[in-house]
């Protein structure tokens, strides 16, 4: 399974972004970009690539623990940016330190579960909204999302991040131009107080309590 962990924006936040992107997509040259479908909107935390089935039980335990050790935090969609003239993204604001910490803990959890991880990259929160096959001038689109001096950029309504999602991605196989990867959320791990509240409601013991050493 090709897996990654992520924070998923709620429906209301996605709708706000969709309205903002409706204006951006109508700009000159917008039809040259491949725009991500709404089901592909996420803030990736730790990309794991292909994960062997034998690793999944331990990975679940580790990710549950990483989520429980992180308290819910506020986040909102904010502005935008680009990578190398080929990736246009929406940014985040609010509990960025907490988002970084959750990303670090998710990456450490995967590593300790036996998933080979690239631990030398610098995490930068972003939600990919469009790609170009070749480098192009994405400056006007970035400005439309982030705003310029004297003009406001895109600001979404804050929400509370209360869970860590484990997502499976399936790459296009048909060869049809423009086909998008498919994403399926295969597990959700409540954060901090949300996890404790769920355990209290069900009367269940905290899963993984004594099965693994704490991970960052």
N, C-alpha and C. Protein backbone atom coordinates (compact mmCIF):
# COMPACT_ATOMS: atom_id res chain seq x y z
N UNK A 1 0.84 -1.19 0.00
CA UNK A 1 0.00 0.00 0.00
C UNK A 1 0.88 1.25 0.00
N UNK A 2 0.51 2.20 -0.82
CA UNK A 2 1.24 3.48 -0.88
C UNK A 2 0.56 4.44 0.09
N UNK A 3 1.23 4.79 1.18
CA UNK A 3 0.58 5.48 2.28
C UNK A 3 1.26 6.79 2.65
N UNK A 4 0.47 7.68 3.23
CA UNK A 4 1.01 8.87 3.87
C UNK A 4 0.04 9.30 4.97
N UNK A 5 0.54 10.08 5.91
CA UNK A 5 -0.33 10.65 6.94
C UNK A 5 -0.62 12.10 6.56
N UNK A 6 -1.78 12.58 7.02
CA UNK A 6 -2.20 13.92 6.59
C UNK A 6 -3.20 14.52 7.56
N UNK A 7 -3.35 15.82 7.46
CA UNK A 7 -4.46 16.56 8.05
C UNK A 7 -5.40 16.90 6.90
N UNK A 8 -6.66 16.55 7.05
CA UNK A 8 -7.65 16.78 5.99
C UNK A 8 -8.52 17.97 6.36
N UNK A 9 -8.69 18.94 5.46
CA UNK A 9 -9.56 20.07 5.76
C UNK A 9 -11.01 19.62 5.82
N UNK A 10 -11.81 20.17 6.73
CA UNK A 10 -13.23 19.82 6.77
C UNK A 10 -13.96 20.35 5.54
N UNK A 11 -15.19 19.89 5.36
CA UNK A 11 -15.96 20.25 4.16
C UNK A 11 -16.13 21.76 4.02
N UNK A 12 -16.37 22.44 5.14
CA UNK A 12 -16.58 23.89 5.08
C UNK A 12 -15.32 24.61 4.58
N UNK A 13 -14.17 24.20 5.08
CA UNK A 13 -12.91 24.81 4.65
C UNK A 13 -12.64 24.51 3.18
N UNK A 14 -12.93 23.28 2.76
CA UNK A 14 -12.74 22.92 1.36
C UNK A 14 -13.64 23.74 0.44
N UNK A 15 -14.85 24.00 0.90
CA UNK A 15 -15.78 24.79 0.09
C UNK A 15 -15.27 26.22 -0.07
N UNK A 16 -14.72 26.79 1.00
CA UNK A 16 -14.14 28.14 0.91
C UNK A 16 -12.99 28.17 -0.09
N UNK A 17 -12.14 27.16 -0.03
CA UNK A 17 -11.01 27.10 -0.96
C UNK A 17 -11.50 26.92 -2.39
N UNK A 18 -12.53 26.11 -2.58
CA UNK A 18 -13.07 25.89 -3.92
C UNK A 18 -13.57 27.20 -4.52
N UNK A 19 -14.22 28.03 -3.70
CA UNK A 19 -14.70 29.32 -4.20
C UNK A 19 -13.53 30.22 -4.60
N UNK A 20 -12.48 30.23 -3.77
CA UNK A 20 -11.31 31.05 -4.09
C UNK A 20 -10.63 30.56 -5.36
N UNK A 21 -10.52 29.24 -5.51
CA UNK A 21 -9.85 28.69 -6.69
C UNK A 21 -10.69 28.86 -7.94
N UNK A 22 -11.99 28.98 -7.79
CA UNK A 22 -12.83 29.24 -8.95
C UNK A 22 -12.42 30.51 -9.66
N UNK A 23 -12.05 31.51 -8.88
CA UNK A 23 -11.58 32.78 -9.47
C UNK A 23 -10.18 32.62 -10.05
N UNK A 24 -9.33 31.87 -9.35
CA UNK A 24 -7.95 31.70 -9.81
C UNK A 24 -7.90 30.89 -11.10
N UNK A 25 -8.71 29.85 -11.17
CA UNK A 25 -8.71 29.00 -12.36
C UNK A 25 -9.15 29.75 -13.60
N UNK A 26 -9.94 30.81 -13.41
CA UNK A 26 -10.41 31.60 -14.55
C UNK A 26 -9.41 32.59 -15.07
N UNK A 27 -8.25 32.69 -14.40
CA UNK A 27 -7.22 33.63 -14.86
C UNK A 27 -6.57 33.13 -16.14
N UNK A 28 -5.92 34.04 -16.85
CA UNK A 28 -5.25 33.69 -18.10
C UNK A 28 -4.25 32.56 -17.87
N UNK A 29 -4.30 31.54 -18.69
CA UNK A 29 -3.38 30.42 -18.60
C UNK A 29 -3.80 29.35 -17.62
N UNK A 30 -4.91 29.57 -16.90
CA UNK A 30 -5.34 28.61 -15.90
C UNK A 30 -5.67 27.25 -16.46
N UNK A 31 -6.09 27.20 -17.72
CA UNK A 31 -6.45 25.92 -18.31
C UNK A 31 -5.23 25.08 -18.66
N UNK A 32 -4.03 25.65 -18.53
CA UNK A 32 -2.80 24.89 -18.80
C UNK A 32 -2.35 24.08 -17.59
N UNK A 33 -2.97 24.34 -16.44
CA UNK A 33 -2.61 23.64 -15.21
C UNK A 33 -3.51 22.42 -15.00
N UNK A 34 -2.98 21.42 -14.33
CA UNK A 34 -3.79 20.26 -13.93
C UNK A 34 -4.23 20.51 -12.49
N UNK A 35 -5.51 20.79 -12.31
CA UNK A 35 -6.04 21.16 -11.01
C UNK A 35 -6.44 19.91 -10.23
N UNK A 36 -6.00 19.85 -8.99
CA UNK A 36 -6.27 18.68 -8.15
C UNK A 36 -7.75 18.63 -7.80
N UNK A 37 -8.30 17.43 -7.78
CA UNK A 37 -9.67 17.25 -7.33
C UNK A 37 -9.79 17.48 -5.84
N UNK A 38 -10.98 17.83 -5.39
CA UNK A 38 -11.16 18.16 -3.98
C UNK A 38 -10.82 16.97 -3.08
N UNK A 39 -11.02 15.74 -3.56
CA UNK A 39 -10.71 14.58 -2.73
C UNK A 39 -9.20 14.41 -2.56
N UNK A 40 -8.42 15.20 -3.29
CA UNK A 40 -6.98 15.15 -3.16
C UNK A 40 -6.40 16.30 -2.34
N UNK A 41 -7.25 17.09 -1.72
CA UNK A 41 -6.78 18.21 -0.92
C UNK A 41 -6.43 17.74 0.48
N UNK A 42 -5.18 17.90 0.86
CA UNK A 42 -4.73 17.46 2.17
C UNK A 42 -3.39 18.13 2.48
N UNK A 43 -3.10 18.23 3.75
CA UNK A 43 -1.77 18.64 4.21
C UNK A 43 -1.01 17.37 4.55
N UNK A 44 -0.11 16.96 3.65
CA UNK A 44 0.69 15.77 3.92
C UNK A 44 1.60 16.04 5.13
N UNK A 45 1.68 15.06 6.02
CA UNK A 45 2.56 15.16 7.18
C UNK A 45 3.79 14.29 7.02
N UNK A 46 3.60 13.03 6.70
CA UNK A 46 4.72 12.10 6.52
C UNK A 46 4.39 11.16 5.37
N UNK A 47 5.17 11.24 4.30
CA UNK A 47 4.95 10.37 3.15
C UNK A 47 5.79 9.11 3.32
N UNK A 48 5.14 7.96 3.24
CA UNK A 48 5.82 6.69 3.50
C UNK A 48 6.09 5.87 2.24
N UNK A 49 5.39 6.16 1.16
CA UNK A 49 5.55 5.34 -0.04
C UNK A 49 4.94 3.95 0.19
N UNK A 50 5.52 2.96 -0.48
CA UNK A 50 4.99 1.59 -0.36
C UNK A 50 5.31 1.02 1.01
N UNK A 51 4.28 0.57 1.70
CA UNK A 51 4.42 0.01 3.04
C UNK A 51 4.00 -1.46 3.00
N UNK A 52 4.87 -2.33 3.52
CA UNK A 52 4.57 -3.76 3.53
C UNK A 52 3.46 -4.07 4.53
N UNK A 53 2.64 -5.06 4.19
CA UNK A 53 1.52 -5.43 5.05
C UNK A 53 1.97 -5.82 6.45
N UNK A 54 3.13 -6.44 6.56
CA UNK A 54 3.59 -6.90 7.87
C UNK A 54 3.87 -5.75 8.82
N UNK A 55 4.08 -4.55 8.27
CA UNK A 55 4.40 -3.38 9.08
C UNK A 55 3.14 -2.70 9.62
N UNK A 56 2.00 -2.95 9.00
CA UNK A 56 0.79 -2.18 9.31
C UNK A 56 0.34 -2.27 10.77
N UNK A 57 0.35 -3.44 11.42
CA UNK A 57 -0.08 -3.46 12.82
C UNK A 57 0.76 -2.55 13.72
N UNK A 58 2.08 -2.62 13.58
CA UNK A 58 2.94 -1.77 14.40
C UNK A 58 2.80 -0.30 14.01
N UNK A 59 2.61 -0.04 12.73
CA UNK A 59 2.42 1.33 12.29
C UNK A 59 1.16 1.92 12.91
N UNK A 60 0.10 1.13 12.97
CA UNK A 60 -1.14 1.60 13.60
C UNK A 60 -0.92 1.96 15.06
N UNK A 61 -0.23 1.10 15.79
CA UNK A 61 0.04 1.37 17.20
C UNK A 61 0.83 2.67 17.36
N UNK A 62 1.84 2.83 16.54
CA UNK A 62 2.71 4.01 16.65
C UNK A 62 1.96 5.29 16.29
N UNK A 63 1.15 5.24 15.23
CA UNK A 63 0.40 6.43 14.84
C UNK A 63 -0.67 6.78 15.85
N UNK A 64 -1.32 5.77 16.43
CA UNK A 64 -2.29 6.04 17.50
C UNK A 64 -1.61 6.80 18.63
N UNK A 65 -0.43 6.35 19.00
CA UNK A 65 0.29 6.99 20.11
C UNK A 65 0.71 8.41 19.74
N UNK A 66 1.21 8.60 18.52
CA UNK A 66 1.61 9.94 18.08
C UNK A 66 0.43 10.90 18.13
N UNK A 67 -0.74 10.42 17.73
CA UNK A 67 -1.94 11.26 17.75
C UNK A 67 -2.35 11.59 19.18
N UNK A 68 -2.32 10.58 20.05
CA UNK A 68 -2.75 10.81 21.44
C UNK A 68 -1.84 11.81 22.15
N UNK A 69 -0.59 11.87 21.77
CA UNK A 69 0.36 12.76 22.44
C UNK A 69 0.27 14.19 21.93
N UNK A 70 -0.56 14.42 20.92
CA UNK A 70 -0.71 15.75 20.33
C UNK A 70 -2.11 16.27 20.60
N UNK A 71 -2.21 17.43 21.24
CA UNK A 71 -3.52 18.00 21.52
C UNK A 71 -4.13 18.62 20.27
N UNK A 72 -5.45 18.66 20.17
CA UNK A 72 -6.10 19.36 19.06
C UNK A 72 -5.61 20.80 18.97
N UNK A 73 -5.58 21.33 17.76
CA UNK A 73 -5.07 22.69 17.57
C UNK A 73 -5.82 23.37 16.43
N UNK A 74 -5.83 24.72 16.43
CA UNK A 74 -6.55 25.46 15.39
C UNK A 74 -5.72 25.56 14.11
N UNK A 75 -6.38 25.57 12.99
CA UNK A 75 -5.71 25.72 11.70
C UNK A 75 -6.68 26.41 10.75
N UNK A 76 -6.14 27.09 9.77
CA UNK A 76 -6.97 27.67 8.71
C UNK A 76 -6.17 27.69 7.42
N UNK A 77 -6.86 27.63 6.31
CA UNK A 77 -6.22 27.78 5.00
C UNK A 77 -5.87 29.24 4.81
N UNK A 78 -4.69 29.47 4.25
CA UNK A 78 -4.16 30.85 4.22
C UNK A 78 -3.20 31.02 3.06
N UNK A 79 -3.54 31.94 2.16
CA UNK A 79 -2.61 32.33 1.09
C UNK A 79 -2.22 31.18 0.19
N UNK A 80 -1.03 31.29 -0.38
CA UNK A 80 -0.56 30.26 -1.30
C UNK A 80 0.89 30.45 -1.65
N UNK A 81 1.43 29.54 -2.43
CA UNK A 81 2.82 29.59 -2.84
C UNK A 81 3.05 28.62 -3.98
N UNK A 82 4.31 28.41 -4.31
CA UNK A 82 4.65 27.53 -5.43
C UNK A 82 5.96 26.82 -5.16
N UNK A 83 6.15 25.70 -5.84
CA UNK A 83 7.41 24.98 -5.84
C UNK A 83 7.90 24.89 -7.28
N UNK A 84 9.00 25.55 -7.56
CA UNK A 84 9.67 25.39 -8.84
C UNK A 84 8.88 25.70 -10.08
N UNK A 85 7.86 26.52 -9.98
CA UNK A 85 7.07 26.84 -11.15
C UNK A 85 6.23 25.70 -11.68
N UNK A 86 6.11 24.61 -10.88
CA UNK A 86 5.33 23.46 -11.34
C UNK A 86 4.24 23.04 -10.37
N UNK A 87 4.30 23.51 -9.13
CA UNK A 87 3.30 23.14 -8.12
C UNK A 87 2.75 24.41 -7.49
N UNK A 88 1.43 24.57 -7.55
CA UNK A 88 0.74 25.68 -6.90
C UNK A 88 0.04 25.13 -5.68
N UNK A 89 0.21 25.81 -4.54
CA UNK A 89 -0.38 25.29 -3.32
C UNK A 89 -1.02 26.38 -2.48
N UNK A 90 -1.95 25.95 -1.63
CA UNK A 90 -2.55 26.80 -0.60
C UNK A 90 -1.79 26.54 0.70
N UNK A 91 -1.61 27.59 1.49
CA UNK A 91 -0.86 27.46 2.72
C UNK A 91 -1.75 27.31 3.93
N UNK A 92 -1.12 27.36 5.10
CA UNK A 92 -1.84 27.20 6.37
C UNK A 92 -1.37 28.27 7.34
N UNK A 93 -2.22 28.57 8.30
CA UNK A 93 -1.89 29.51 9.37
C UNK A 93 -2.61 29.04 10.63
N UNK A 94 -2.21 29.59 11.76
CA UNK A 94 -2.81 29.19 13.03
C UNK A 94 -1.83 28.37 13.83
N UNK A 95 -2.19 27.13 14.14
CA UNK A 95 -1.33 26.29 14.97
C UNK A 95 -0.23 25.62 14.18
N UNK A 96 0.62 26.42 13.56
CA UNK A 96 1.67 25.86 12.70
C UNK A 96 2.69 25.07 13.50
N UNK A 97 3.04 25.54 14.70
CA UNK A 97 3.99 24.79 15.53
C UNK A 97 3.44 23.41 15.86
N UNK A 98 2.14 23.35 16.18
CA UNK A 98 1.52 22.06 16.48
C UNK A 98 1.48 21.17 15.24
N UNK A 99 1.25 21.77 14.08
CA UNK A 99 1.23 21.00 12.83
C UNK A 99 2.62 20.42 12.56
N UNK A 100 3.66 21.22 12.77
CA UNK A 100 5.03 20.73 12.61
C UNK A 100 5.29 19.58 13.57
N UNK A 101 4.86 19.73 14.82
CA UNK A 101 5.09 18.69 15.81
C UNK A 101 4.37 17.40 15.44
N UNK A 102 3.13 17.51 14.97
CA UNK A 102 2.40 16.32 14.55
C UNK A 102 3.09 15.65 13.37
N UNK A 103 3.63 16.44 12.45
CA UNK A 103 4.36 15.89 11.32
C UNK A 103 5.61 15.14 11.79
N UNK A 104 6.33 15.73 12.73
CA UNK A 104 7.52 15.08 13.28
C UNK A 104 7.17 13.77 13.97
N UNK A 105 6.10 13.78 14.74
CA UNK A 105 5.70 12.58 15.46
C UNK A 105 5.21 11.49 14.51
N UNK A 106 4.48 11.88 13.47
CA UNK A 106 4.01 10.91 12.49
C UNK A 106 5.19 10.29 11.75
N UNK A 107 6.17 11.10 11.40
CA UNK A 107 7.35 10.59 10.70
C UNK A 107 8.14 9.65 11.60
N UNK A 108 8.32 10.05 12.88
CA UNK A 108 9.04 9.19 13.82
C UNK A 108 8.28 7.89 14.05
N UNK A 109 6.95 7.95 14.11
CA UNK A 109 6.15 6.75 14.30
C UNK A 109 6.36 5.77 13.15
N UNK A 110 6.33 6.29 11.93
CA UNK A 110 6.54 5.43 10.76
C UNK A 110 7.95 4.83 10.77
N UNK A 111 8.93 5.64 11.10
CA UNK A 111 10.31 5.16 11.13
C UNK A 111 10.47 4.04 12.16
N UNK A 112 9.90 4.22 13.34
CA UNK A 112 10.04 3.23 14.40
C UNK A 112 9.22 1.98 14.13
N UNK A 113 8.23 2.09 13.27
CA UNK A 113 7.45 0.92 12.88
C UNK A 113 8.17 0.10 11.81
N UNK A 114 9.24 0.64 11.27
CA UNK A 114 10.02 -0.08 10.27
C UNK A 114 9.86 0.42 8.86
N UNK A 115 9.26 1.61 8.69
CA UNK A 115 9.12 2.19 7.36
C UNK A 115 10.34 3.06 7.06
N UNK A 116 11.06 2.81 5.96
CA UNK A 116 12.20 3.68 5.62
C UNK A 116 11.71 5.10 5.34
N UNK A 117 12.28 6.07 6.03
CA UNK A 117 11.84 7.45 5.88
C UNK A 117 13.03 8.35 5.56
N UNK A 118 12.78 9.36 4.73
CA UNK A 118 13.77 10.40 4.46
C UNK A 118 13.67 11.43 5.57
N UNK A 119 14.60 11.39 6.51
CA UNK A 119 14.51 12.24 7.70
C UNK A 119 15.34 13.52 7.56
N UNK A 120 15.66 13.89 6.33
CA UNK A 120 16.51 15.07 6.13
C UNK A 120 15.76 16.22 5.45
N UNK A 121 14.49 16.03 5.18
CA UNK A 121 13.75 17.09 4.51
C UNK A 121 13.20 18.09 5.53
N UNK A 122 12.96 19.31 5.11
CA UNK A 122 12.35 20.33 5.96
C UNK A 122 10.87 20.37 5.66
N UNK A 123 10.06 20.20 6.69
CA UNK A 123 8.62 20.15 6.48
C UNK A 123 8.07 21.55 6.22
N UNK A 124 7.28 21.68 5.17
CA UNK A 124 6.63 22.94 4.85
C UNK A 124 5.16 22.68 4.58
N UNK A 125 4.27 23.12 5.47
CA UNK A 125 2.85 22.84 5.29
C UNK A 125 2.33 23.40 3.98
N UNK A 126 1.68 22.58 3.19
CA UNK A 126 1.08 23.05 1.94
C UNK A 126 0.03 22.06 1.48
N UNK A 127 -0.95 22.58 0.77
CA UNK A 127 -2.03 21.78 0.19
C UNK A 127 -1.98 22.01 -1.31
N UNK A 128 -1.54 21.01 -2.07
CA UNK A 128 -1.38 21.16 -3.51
C UNK A 128 -2.73 21.32 -4.20
N UNK A 129 -2.84 22.38 -5.01
CA UNK A 129 -4.09 22.62 -5.73
C UNK A 129 -3.94 22.47 -7.24
N UNK A 130 -2.71 22.59 -7.76
CA UNK A 130 -2.53 22.46 -9.22
C UNK A 130 -1.07 22.14 -9.52
N UNK A 131 -0.86 21.52 -10.67
CA UNK A 131 0.48 21.18 -11.15
C UNK A 131 0.62 21.54 -12.62
N UNK A 132 1.86 21.75 -13.03
CA UNK A 132 2.18 21.96 -14.44
C UNK A 132 3.25 20.94 -14.83
N UNK A 133 3.12 20.37 -16.01
CA UNK A 133 4.11 19.38 -16.46
C UNK A 133 5.47 20.02 -16.68
N UNK A 134 5.48 21.28 -17.06
CA UNK A 134 6.74 22.00 -17.27
C UNK A 134 6.70 23.29 -16.47
N UNK A 135 7.87 23.82 -16.07
CA UNK A 135 7.87 25.06 -15.29
C UNK A 135 7.20 26.20 -16.05
N UNK A 136 6.41 26.99 -15.32
CA UNK A 136 5.73 28.14 -15.91
C UNK A 136 5.65 29.23 -14.85
N UNK A 137 5.23 30.39 -15.25
CA UNK A 137 5.12 31.52 -14.33
C UNK A 137 3.84 31.38 -13.51
N UNK A 138 4.00 30.93 -12.27
CA UNK A 138 2.85 30.78 -11.38
C UNK A 138 2.65 32.01 -10.50
N UNK A 139 3.49 33.02 -10.69
CA UNK A 139 3.42 34.22 -9.86
C UNK A 139 2.03 34.84 -9.77
N UNK A 140 1.32 35.03 -10.88
CA UNK A 140 -0.01 35.64 -10.80
C UNK A 140 -1.00 34.83 -9.97
N UNK A 141 -0.89 33.50 -10.04
CA UNK A 141 -1.79 32.65 -9.26
C UNK A 141 -1.46 32.73 -7.77
N UNK A 142 -0.15 32.75 -7.47
CA UNK A 142 0.29 32.89 -6.08
C UNK A 142 -0.18 34.22 -5.51
N UNK A 143 -0.05 35.28 -6.31
CA UNK A 143 -0.49 36.60 -5.85
C UNK A 143 -2.00 36.63 -5.62
N UNK A 144 -2.73 35.93 -6.46
CA UNK A 144 -4.19 35.91 -6.29
C UNK A 144 -4.58 35.23 -4.99
N UNK A 145 -3.80 34.22 -4.57
CA UNK A 145 -4.09 33.53 -3.31
C UNK A 145 -3.52 34.26 -2.10
N UNK A 146 -2.32 34.79 -2.26
CA UNK A 146 -1.63 35.40 -1.11
C UNK A 146 -1.88 36.88 -0.98
N UNK A 147 -2.29 37.51 -2.06
CA UNK A 147 -2.51 38.95 -2.03
C UNK A 147 -1.21 39.70 -2.27
N UNK A 148 -1.33 40.93 -2.69
CA UNK A 148 -0.18 41.81 -2.87
C UNK A 148 -0.37 43.00 -1.95
N UNK A 149 0.61 43.86 -1.95
CA UNK A 149 0.54 45.03 -1.07
C UNK A 149 -0.74 45.82 -1.34
N UNK A 150 -1.53 46.00 -0.32
CA UNK A 150 -2.77 46.75 -0.46
C UNK A 150 -3.97 45.90 -0.82
N UNK A 151 -3.75 44.61 -1.09
CA UNK A 151 -4.88 43.73 -1.41
C UNK A 151 -4.81 42.50 -0.52
N UNK A 152 -5.97 42.03 -0.10
CA UNK A 152 -6.02 40.87 0.76
C UNK A 152 -5.99 39.57 -0.03
N UNK A 153 -5.36 38.56 0.54
CA UNK A 153 -5.32 37.25 -0.08
C UNK A 153 -6.39 36.35 0.51
N UNK A 154 -6.31 35.09 0.18
CA UNK A 154 -7.29 34.12 0.64
C UNK A 154 -7.07 33.81 2.12
N UNK A 155 -8.12 33.93 2.91
CA UNK A 155 -8.10 33.58 4.34
C UNK A 155 -9.31 32.71 4.64
N UNK A 156 -9.06 31.47 5.01
CA UNK A 156 -10.16 30.58 5.34
C UNK A 156 -10.59 30.72 6.80
N UNK A 157 -11.72 30.15 7.11
CA UNK A 157 -12.24 30.15 8.48
C UNK A 157 -11.50 29.10 9.30
N UNK A 158 -11.05 29.43 10.52
CA UNK A 158 -10.32 28.45 11.33
C UNK A 158 -11.20 27.25 11.71
N UNK A 159 -10.56 26.11 11.85
CA UNK A 159 -11.21 24.93 12.40
C UNK A 159 -10.23 24.26 13.36
N UNK A 160 -10.72 23.34 14.18
CA UNK A 160 -9.87 22.59 15.10
C UNK A 160 -9.48 21.26 14.47
N UNK A 161 -8.17 21.03 14.36
CA UNK A 161 -7.67 19.74 13.89
C UNK A 161 -7.79 18.76 15.06
N UNK A 162 -8.57 17.70 14.89
CA UNK A 162 -8.82 16.75 15.97
C UNK A 162 -8.42 15.33 15.63
N UNK A 163 -7.84 15.10 14.43
CA UNK A 163 -7.45 13.75 14.08
C UNK A 163 -6.31 13.74 13.07
N UNK A 164 -5.59 12.65 13.09
CA UNK A 164 -4.53 12.36 12.14
C UNK A 164 -5.06 11.30 11.19
N UNK A 165 -4.95 11.54 9.89
CA UNK A 165 -5.49 10.59 8.90
C UNK A 165 -4.36 9.80 8.25
N UNK A 166 -4.62 8.52 8.04
CA UNK A 166 -3.73 7.67 7.25
C UNK A 166 -4.40 7.46 5.90
N UNK A 167 -3.72 7.85 4.84
CA UNK A 167 -4.33 7.90 3.51
C UNK A 167 -3.56 6.98 2.56
N UNK A 168 -4.30 6.23 1.76
CA UNK A 168 -3.72 5.42 0.70
C UNK A 168 -3.87 6.16 -0.62
N UNK A 169 -2.79 6.23 -1.39
CA UNK A 169 -2.86 6.85 -2.71
C UNK A 169 -2.58 5.80 -3.78
N UNK A 170 -3.34 5.86 -4.85
CA UNK A 170 -3.17 4.95 -5.98
C UNK A 170 -2.86 5.79 -7.21
N UNK A 171 -1.72 5.54 -7.81
CA UNK A 171 -1.30 6.32 -8.97
C UNK A 171 -2.12 5.95 -10.20
N UNK A 172 -2.27 6.87 -11.15
CA UNK A 172 -3.01 6.57 -12.38
C UNK A 172 -2.37 5.40 -13.13
N UNK A 173 -3.19 4.53 -13.68
CA UNK A 173 -2.67 3.38 -14.41
C UNK A 173 -3.24 3.28 -15.82
N UNK A 174 -4.25 4.07 -16.13
CA UNK A 174 -4.93 3.92 -17.43
C UNK A 174 -4.18 4.60 -18.56
N UNK A 175 -3.33 5.58 -18.21
CA UNK A 175 -2.63 6.33 -19.24
C UNK A 175 -3.47 7.42 -19.87
N UNK A 176 -4.68 7.61 -19.38
CA UNK A 176 -5.55 8.66 -19.92
C UNK A 176 -5.01 10.02 -19.48
N UNK A 177 -4.78 10.95 -20.41
CA UNK A 177 -4.26 12.27 -20.04
C UNK A 177 -5.15 12.96 -19.02
N UNK A 178 -4.51 13.54 -18.01
CA UNK A 178 -5.26 14.27 -17.00
C UNK A 178 -5.82 13.42 -15.87
N UNK A 179 -5.62 12.10 -15.93
CA UNK A 179 -6.14 11.24 -14.87
C UNK A 179 -5.44 11.58 -13.55
N UNK A 180 -6.21 11.65 -12.47
CA UNK A 180 -5.70 12.03 -11.16
C UNK A 180 -5.41 10.79 -10.31
N UNK A 181 -4.46 10.89 -9.37
CA UNK A 181 -4.32 9.82 -8.38
C UNK A 181 -5.61 9.69 -7.58
N UNK A 182 -5.85 8.52 -7.03
CA UNK A 182 -7.01 8.29 -6.19
C UNK A 182 -6.56 8.19 -4.73
N UNK A 183 -7.34 8.80 -3.85
CA UNK A 183 -7.00 8.83 -2.42
C UNK A 183 -8.13 8.20 -1.61
N UNK A 184 -7.74 7.40 -0.63
CA UNK A 184 -8.71 6.78 0.27
C UNK A 184 -8.19 6.86 1.70
N UNK A 185 -8.98 7.44 2.58
CA UNK A 185 -8.60 7.50 3.99
C UNK A 185 -8.88 6.13 4.61
N UNK A 186 -7.81 5.46 5.05
CA UNK A 186 -7.96 4.09 5.56
C UNK A 186 -8.00 4.03 7.07
N UNK A 187 -7.60 5.10 7.77
CA UNK A 187 -7.67 5.12 9.23
C UNK A 187 -7.64 6.56 9.71
N UNK A 188 -8.27 6.79 10.85
CA UNK A 188 -8.27 8.10 11.49
C UNK A 188 -7.91 7.91 12.96
N UNK A 189 -6.98 8.73 13.44
CA UNK A 189 -6.51 8.61 14.82
C UNK A 189 -6.81 9.91 15.55
N UNK A 190 -7.72 9.89 16.55
CA UNK A 190 -8.06 11.12 17.26
C UNK A 190 -6.87 11.70 18.01
N UNK A 191 -6.81 13.02 18.07
CA UNK A 191 -5.75 13.70 18.80
C UNK A 191 -6.12 13.88 20.27
N UNK A 192 -5.14 13.84 21.14
CA UNK A 192 -5.22 14.23 22.54
C UNK A 192 -6.54 14.02 23.22
N UNK A 193 -7.15 15.13 23.62
CA UNK A 193 -8.42 15.09 24.36
C UNK A 193 -9.50 14.38 23.57
N UNK A 194 -9.45 14.51 22.23
CA UNK A 194 -10.44 13.83 21.40
C UNK A 194 -10.31 12.32 21.56
N UNK A 195 -9.08 11.81 21.63
CA UNK A 195 -8.85 10.38 21.81
C UNK A 195 -9.33 9.94 23.18
N UNK A 196 -9.02 10.74 24.22
CA UNK A 196 -9.43 10.40 25.57
C UNK A 196 -10.95 10.39 25.70
N UNK A 197 -11.61 11.37 25.05
CA UNK A 197 -13.06 11.43 25.11
C UNK A 197 -13.68 10.21 24.44
N UNK A 198 -13.10 9.78 23.32
CA UNK A 198 -13.61 8.61 22.64
C UNK A 198 -13.46 7.36 23.47
N UNK A 199 -12.31 7.22 24.15
CA UNK A 199 -12.09 6.06 25.00
C UNK A 199 -13.07 6.06 26.16
N UNK A 200 -13.35 7.25 26.72
CA UNK A 200 -14.28 7.34 27.84
C UNK A 200 -15.69 6.97 27.42
N UNK A 201 -16.09 7.39 26.20
CA UNK A 201 -17.44 7.10 25.73
C UNK A 201 -17.65 5.60 25.52
N UNK A 202 -16.61 4.94 25.01
CA UNK A 202 -16.75 3.51 24.71
C UNK A 202 -16.41 2.64 25.89
N UNK A 203 -15.74 3.23 26.90
CA UNK A 203 -15.34 2.46 28.06
C UNK A 203 -14.18 1.53 27.76
N UNK A 204 -13.50 1.77 26.61
CA UNK A 204 -12.39 0.93 26.22
C UNK A 204 -11.08 1.45 26.77
N UNK A 205 -10.16 0.54 27.01
CA UNK A 205 -8.82 0.91 27.41
C UNK A 205 -8.12 1.57 26.23
N UNK A 206 -7.27 2.54 26.49
CA UNK A 206 -6.52 3.25 25.45
C UNK A 206 -5.75 2.24 24.61
N UNK A 207 -5.98 2.13 23.30
CA UNK A 207 -5.30 1.13 22.48
C UNK A 207 -3.80 1.36 22.44
N UNK A 208 -3.04 0.25 22.54
CA UNK A 208 -1.59 0.35 22.43
C UNK A 208 -0.91 0.87 23.66
N UNK A 209 -1.63 0.91 24.80
CA UNK A 209 -1.09 1.56 25.99
C UNK A 209 0.24 0.97 26.42
N UNK A 210 0.40 -0.38 26.31
CA UNK A 210 1.62 -0.99 26.79
C UNK A 210 2.30 -1.80 25.70
N UNK A 211 1.93 -1.52 24.45
CA UNK A 211 2.44 -2.36 23.37
C UNK A 211 3.66 -1.78 22.68
N UNK A 212 3.96 -0.53 22.93
CA UNK A 212 5.09 0.07 22.22
C UNK A 212 5.67 1.18 23.05
N UNK A 213 6.97 1.41 22.88
CA UNK A 213 7.62 2.51 23.59
C UNK A 213 7.14 3.83 23.00
N UNK A 214 7.02 4.87 23.82
CA UNK A 214 6.55 6.15 23.31
C UNK A 214 7.41 6.64 22.16
N UNK A 215 6.75 7.20 21.15
CA UNK A 215 7.47 7.82 20.03
C UNK A 215 7.27 9.30 20.08
N UNK A 216 8.18 10.05 19.46
CA UNK A 216 8.01 11.49 19.43
C UNK A 216 6.83 11.85 18.58
